[in-house]
Amino acid sequence: MGTGQRLGREGPAVARGLELGNRSVDILASVQSTRTKDYVREFNATFAPWRRGPAGGKFVHRARTEFGVAA
């Protein structure tokens, strides 16, 4: 199965994940803790297969900017 087929089938789940990820960044941006950064790192690691897309890249950049974590 090609990447396009996988993304096509999982598109709504990825979109929902991005929505929740962005909400989390909104909420957690004011919290400076190691645990917060660990949660963001964990999400980014789970999200790795989709971060090359436009929306995914935007989220990863935002997480890096807000939390200084690697994708």
N, C-alpha and C. Protein backbone atom coordinates (compact mmCIF):
# COMPACT_ATOMS: atom_id res chain seq x y z
N MET A 1 0.85 -1.18 0.00
CA MET A 1 0.00 0.00 0.00
C MET A 1 0.90 1.24 0.00
N GLY A 2 0.63 2.17 -0.88
CA GLY A 2 1.42 3.40 -0.98
C GLY A 2 1.04 4.40 0.10
N THR A 3 1.90 5.38 0.26
CA THR A 3 1.67 6.41 1.27
C THR A 3 0.35 7.15 1.03
N GLY A 4 0.07 7.46 -0.22
CA GLY A 4 -1.17 8.15 -0.55
C GLY A 4 -2.40 7.37 -0.13
N GLN A 5 -2.37 6.06 -0.35
CA GLN A 5 -3.50 5.23 0.06
C GLN A 5 -3.64 5.23 1.57
N ARG A 6 -2.50 5.11 2.28
CA ARG A 6 -2.56 5.09 3.74
C ARG A 6 -3.11 6.40 4.27
N LEU A 7 -2.62 7.53 3.74
CA LEU A 7 -3.09 8.83 4.20
C LEU A 7 -4.55 9.05 3.85
N GLY A 8 -4.96 8.57 2.68
CA GLY A 8 -6.35 8.73 2.29
C GLY A 8 -7.30 8.03 3.24
N ARG A 9 -6.91 6.86 3.67
CA ARG A 9 -7.77 6.10 4.57
C ARG A 9 -7.72 6.66 5.99
N GLU A 10 -6.56 7.17 6.41
CA GLU A 10 -6.41 7.64 7.77
C GLU A 10 -6.53 9.15 7.90
N GLY A 11 -6.91 9.80 6.84
CA GLY A 11 -7.01 11.25 6.83
C GLY A 11 -7.81 11.85 7.96
N PRO A 12 -9.05 11.36 8.21
CA PRO A 12 -9.84 11.95 9.29
C PRO A 12 -9.19 11.77 10.67
N ALA A 13 -8.53 10.64 10.89
CA ALA A 13 -7.87 10.41 12.17
C ALA A 13 -6.68 11.35 12.33
N VAL A 14 -5.95 11.55 11.25
CA VAL A 14 -4.80 12.47 11.30
C VAL A 14 -5.29 13.90 11.53
N ALA A 15 -6.35 14.29 10.85
CA ALA A 15 -6.91 15.64 11.03
C ALA A 15 -7.35 15.84 12.48
N ARG A 16 -7.98 14.83 13.05
CA ARG A 16 -8.43 14.92 14.45
C ARG A 16 -7.23 15.01 15.39
N GLY A 17 -6.19 14.22 15.10
CA GLY A 17 -4.97 14.27 15.90
C GLY A 17 -4.33 15.65 15.87
N LEU A 18 -4.30 16.24 14.68
CA LEU A 18 -3.75 17.60 14.56
C LEU A 18 -4.59 18.60 15.33
N GLU A 19 -5.88 18.46 15.25
CA GLU A 19 -6.78 19.36 15.99
C GLU A 19 -6.49 19.26 17.49
N LEU A 20 -6.41 18.04 17.99
CA LEU A 20 -6.14 17.85 19.42
C LEU A 20 -4.73 18.31 19.78
N GLY A 21 -3.77 18.05 18.90
CA GLY A 21 -2.41 18.51 19.15
C GLY A 21 -2.33 20.02 19.25
N ASN A 22 -3.00 20.70 18.35
CA ASN A 22 -3.00 22.17 18.37
C ASN A 22 -3.73 22.71 19.60
N ARG A 23 -4.81 22.07 19.98
CA ARG A 23 -5.50 22.49 21.22
C ARG A 23 -4.59 22.31 22.42
N SER A 24 -3.86 21.20 22.42
CA SER A 24 -2.93 20.94 23.52
C SER A 24 -1.85 22.01 23.58
N VAL A 25 -1.32 22.40 22.43
CA VAL A 25 -0.30 23.45 22.40
C VAL A 25 -0.90 24.75 22.94
N ASP A 26 -2.13 25.05 22.54
CA ASP A 26 -2.79 26.26 23.05
C ASP A 26 -2.85 26.26 24.57
N ILE A 27 -3.21 25.13 25.13
CA ILE A 27 -3.40 25.02 26.58
C ILE A 27 -2.06 24.96 27.31
N LEU A 28 -1.14 24.17 26.78
CA LEU A 28 0.12 23.91 27.49
C LEU A 28 1.22 24.94 27.23
N ALA A 29 1.01 25.85 26.30
CA ALA A 29 2.05 26.82 25.96
C ALA A 29 2.47 27.67 27.16
N SER A 30 1.55 27.89 28.08
CA SER A 30 1.88 28.71 29.24
C SER A 30 2.49 27.89 30.38
N VAL A 31 2.56 26.58 30.21
CA VAL A 31 3.11 25.71 31.24
C VAL A 31 4.53 25.35 30.87
N GLN A 32 5.46 25.63 31.75
CA GLN A 32 6.86 25.30 31.50
C GLN A 32 7.28 24.18 32.44
N SER A 33 7.20 22.96 31.93
CA SER A 33 7.62 21.83 32.74
C SER A 33 8.20 20.74 31.85
N THR A 34 9.02 19.92 32.45
CA THR A 34 9.61 18.80 31.73
C THR A 34 8.53 17.84 31.27
N ARG A 35 7.55 17.61 32.10
CA ARG A 35 6.47 16.69 31.75
C ARG A 35 5.72 17.18 30.52
N THR A 36 5.45 18.46 30.44
CA THR A 36 4.77 19.04 29.27
C THR A 36 5.58 18.78 28.02
N LYS A 37 6.88 19.05 28.07
CA LYS A 37 7.74 18.80 26.91
C LYS A 37 7.76 17.32 26.55
N ASP A 38 7.75 16.46 27.55
CA ASP A 38 7.72 15.02 27.27
C ASP A 38 6.44 14.61 26.54
N TYR A 39 5.31 15.18 26.93
CA TYR A 39 4.05 14.88 26.25
C TYR A 39 4.10 15.32 24.79
N VAL A 40 4.64 16.51 24.56
CA VAL A 40 4.74 17.02 23.19
C VAL A 40 5.71 16.16 22.38
N ARG A 41 6.82 15.76 22.96
CA ARG A 41 7.77 14.87 22.27
C ARG A 41 7.09 13.55 21.91
N GLU A 42 6.33 13.00 22.83
CA GLU A 42 5.64 11.73 22.60
C GLU A 42 4.64 11.86 21.46
N PHE A 43 3.88 12.95 21.45
CA PHE A 43 2.92 13.16 20.37
C PHE A 43 3.65 13.29 19.04
N ASN A 44 4.71 14.05 19.00
CA ASN A 44 5.47 14.23 17.77
C ASN A 44 6.04 12.91 17.26
N ALA A 45 6.50 12.06 18.16
CA ALA A 45 7.03 10.76 17.76
C ALA A 45 5.93 9.88 17.16
N THR A 46 4.76 9.91 17.77
CA THR A 46 3.63 9.13 17.27
C THR A 46 3.17 9.67 15.93
N PHE A 47 3.26 10.97 15.75
CA PHE A 47 2.78 11.66 14.56
C PHE A 47 3.78 11.59 13.39
N ALA A 48 4.97 11.06 13.62
CA ALA A 48 6.06 11.08 12.65
C ALA A 48 5.67 10.71 11.21
N PRO A 49 4.86 9.69 10.97
CA PRO A 49 4.54 9.34 9.57
C PRO A 49 3.81 10.44 8.79
N TRP A 50 3.21 11.40 9.46
CA TRP A 50 2.41 12.42 8.77
C TRP A 50 3.00 13.82 8.85
N ARG A 51 4.15 13.99 9.46
CA ARG A 51 4.67 15.34 9.65
C ARG A 51 5.23 15.98 8.39
N ARG A 52 5.37 15.23 7.31
CA ARG A 52 5.87 15.83 6.07
C ARG A 52 4.76 16.51 5.27
N GLY A 53 3.52 16.28 5.62
CA GLY A 53 2.42 16.95 4.94
C GLY A 53 2.34 18.41 5.39
N PRO A 54 1.60 19.24 4.65
CA PRO A 54 1.52 20.66 4.98
C PRO A 54 1.01 20.94 6.39
N ALA A 55 -0.09 20.31 6.76
CA ALA A 55 -0.67 20.54 8.08
C ALA A 55 0.24 19.97 9.17
N GLY A 56 0.80 18.81 8.90
CA GLY A 56 1.70 18.18 9.87
C GLY A 56 2.96 18.99 10.08
N GLY A 57 3.52 19.49 8.99
CA GLY A 57 4.72 20.32 9.08
C GLY A 57 4.46 21.59 9.87
N LYS A 58 3.29 22.15 9.67
CA LYS A 58 2.90 23.37 10.39
C LYS A 58 2.81 23.10 11.89
N PHE A 59 2.22 21.94 12.24
CA PHE A 59 2.10 21.59 13.65
C PHE A 59 3.48 21.37 14.27
N VAL A 60 4.34 20.60 13.59
CA VAL A 60 5.67 20.32 14.12
C VAL A 60 6.44 21.62 14.33
N HIS A 61 6.36 22.53 13.38
CA HIS A 61 7.02 23.83 13.52
C HIS A 61 6.48 24.57 14.75
N ARG A 62 5.18 24.54 14.91
CA ARG A 62 4.56 25.22 16.05
C ARG A 62 5.02 24.61 17.37
N ALA A 63 5.05 23.29 17.45
CA ALA A 63 5.49 22.61 18.68
C ALA A 63 6.95 22.96 18.98
N ARG A 64 7.77 22.99 17.94
CA ARG A 64 9.18 23.36 18.13
C ARG A 64 9.28 24.79 18.66
N THR A 65 8.52 25.69 18.07
CA THR A 65 8.56 27.09 18.45
C THR A 65 8.08 27.30 19.89
N GLU A 66 6.97 26.67 20.24
CA GLU A 66 6.37 26.87 21.57
C GLU A 66 7.15 26.17 22.68
N PHE A 67 7.66 24.96 22.38
CA PHE A 67 8.25 24.14 23.44
C PHE A 67 9.73 23.86 23.26
N GLY A 68 10.29 24.22 22.12
CA GLY A 68 11.70 23.95 21.89
C GLY A 68 12.03 22.48 21.87
N VAL A 69 11.09 21.65 21.37
CA VAL A 69 11.33 20.21 21.30
C VAL A 69 11.58 19.80 19.86
N ALA A 70 12.39 18.77 19.71
CA ALA A 70 12.65 18.22 18.38
C ALA A 70 11.46 17.38 17.96
N ALA A 71 11.27 17.31 16.63
CA ALA A 71 10.15 16.53 16.10
C ALA A 71 10.47 15.07 16.06
